[in-house]
């Protein structure tokens, strides 16, 4: 009976993509914090500079997660692995390039 339920549940079909983008986003939050600290220290060594950089990077990856999930998730069927999470993580940082390449293939 649970197998039948999972087959009709749209979130169950997206479970690999949800888990992948969720874990990648969690890692990206830490990476954005580290980058904010390093870049902030290099650019002015003030809390407000570090915070501004962190918030800009965080906004960038959260928007990227939404865009990637909306465009790629329905095609993601491979089971979750370290490699898949690494791919999602890298994609969160280069998502505008991925979208531009995809648009170039269509046109």
Protein backbone atom coordinates (compact mmCIF):
# COMPACT_ATOMS: atom_id res chain seq x y z
CA UNK A 1 0.00 0.00 0.00
CA UNK A 2 2.81 2.48 0.74
CA UNK A 3 4.35 1.79 -2.67
CA UNK A 4 1.13 2.86 -4.37
CA UNK A 5 1.04 6.03 -2.27
CA UNK A 6 4.62 6.95 -3.14
CA UNK A 7 3.93 6.42 -6.82
CA UNK A 8 1.23 9.11 -6.79
CA UNK A 9 3.03 11.61 -4.58
CA UNK A 10 4.78 14.32 -6.65
CA UNK A 11 7.17 15.13 -3.80
CA UNK A 12 8.22 11.49 -3.62
CA UNK A 13 9.18 11.65 -7.29
CA UNK A 14 11.30 14.73 -6.55
CA UNK A 15 12.93 13.30 -3.42
CA UNK A 16 16.39 12.98 -4.97
CA UNK A 17 16.33 16.55 -6.23
CA UNK A 18 14.91 17.89 -2.95
CA UNK A 19 17.55 16.15 -0.89
CA UNK A 20 20.34 17.13 -3.27
CA UNK A 21 19.46 20.80 -3.47
CA UNK A 22 18.76 20.93 0.28
CA UNK A 23 22.13 19.50 1.24
CA UNK A 24 23.92 21.61 -1.37
CA UNK A 25 22.18 24.73 -0.07
CA UNK A 26 23.19 23.91 3.48
CA UNK A 27 26.82 23.59 2.37
CA UNK A 28 26.49 26.80 0.35
CA UNK A 29 25.38 28.70 3.46
CA UNK A 30 28.62 27.75 5.18
CA UNK A 31 30.64 28.52 2.05
CA UNK A 32 28.98 31.95 1.76
CA UNK A 33 29.78 32.66 5.41
CA UNK A 34 33.42 31.71 4.91
CA UNK A 35 33.66 33.74 1.70
CA UNK A 36 32.02 36.71 3.42
CA UNK A 37 34.56 36.57 6.20
CA UNK A 38 37.58 36.19 3.91
CA UNK A 39 36.47 38.79 1.38
CA UNK A 40 35.21 41.14 4.09
CA UNK A 41 38.54 40.99 5.89
CA UNK A 42 40.39 41.64 2.65
CA UNK A 43 38.16 44.56 1.66
CA UNK A 44 37.83 46.45 4.88
CA UNK A 45 37.89 44.27 7.95
CA UNK A 46 34.56 45.51 9.24
CA UNK A 47 31.51 43.58 10.34
CA UNK A 48 29.20 45.47 7.99
CA UNK A 49 31.34 44.65 4.95
CA UNK A 50 31.48 40.95 5.89
CA UNK A 51 27.73 40.89 6.53
CA UNK A 52 26.93 42.61 3.23
CA UNK A 53 29.05 40.16 1.27
CA UNK A 54 27.56 37.20 3.13
CA UNK A 55 23.98 38.37 2.55
CA UNK A 56 24.66 39.02 -1.14
CA UNK A 57 26.16 35.56 -1.59
CA UNK A 58 23.39 33.95 0.43
CA UNK A 59 20.72 35.65 -1.67
CA UNK A 60 22.53 34.55 -4.83
CA UNK A 61 22.63 30.86 -3.87
CA UNK A 62 19.07 30.79 -2.50
CA UNK A 63 17.74 32.30 -5.74
CA UNK A 64 19.93 29.85 -7.64
CA UNK A 65 18.52 26.94 -5.66
CA UNK A 66 15.00 27.97 -6.56
CA UNK A 67 15.81 28.48 -10.22
CA UNK A 68 17.73 25.21 -10.51
CA UNK A 69 15.12 23.23 -8.67
CA UNK A 70 12.36 24.62 -10.88
CA UNK A 71 14.24 23.91 -14.11
CA UNK A 72 16.12 20.68 -13.37
CA UNK A 73 14.34 18.82 -10.57
CA UNK A 74 11.80 16.95 -12.66
CA UNK A 75 14.65 15.34 -14.62
CA UNK A 76 16.66 14.34 -11.55
CA UNK A 77 16.07 10.63 -11.00
CA UNK A 78 19.47 9.35 -9.92
CA UNK A 79 19.84 8.40 -6.26
CA UNK A 80 21.51 10.86 -3.93
CA UNK A 81 25.27 10.50 -3.62
CA UNK A 82 28.24 12.63 -2.64
CA UNK A 83 28.89 13.31 -6.31
CA UNK A 84 25.32 14.43 -6.91
CA UNK A 85 25.44 16.79 -3.91
CA UNK A 86 28.76 18.17 -5.21
CA UNK A 87 27.14 18.75 -8.61
CA UNK A 88 24.20 20.58 -7.03
CA UNK A 89 26.62 22.61 -4.88
CA UNK A 90 28.70 23.67 -7.88
CA UNK A 91 25.54 24.41 -9.84
CA UNK A 92 24.34 26.79 -7.11
CA UNK A 93 27.38 28.95 -7.74
CA UNK A 94 27.30 28.94 -11.56
CA UNK A 95 23.56 28.80 -12.17
CA UNK A 96 23.41 31.89 -14.46
CA UNK A 97 25.93 30.24 -16.79
CA UNK A 98 23.90 27.03 -16.82
CA UNK A 99 20.74 28.94 -17.70
CA UNK A 100 22.54 30.88 -20.44
CA UNK A 101 23.87 27.65 -21.93
CA UNK A 102 20.43 26.09 -21.81
CA UNK A 103 18.88 29.15 -23.49
CA UNK A 104 21.61 29.05 -26.16
CA UNK A 105 20.76 25.44 -27.01
CA UNK A 106 17.09 26.29 -27.47
CA UNK A 107 17.68 29.30 -29.70
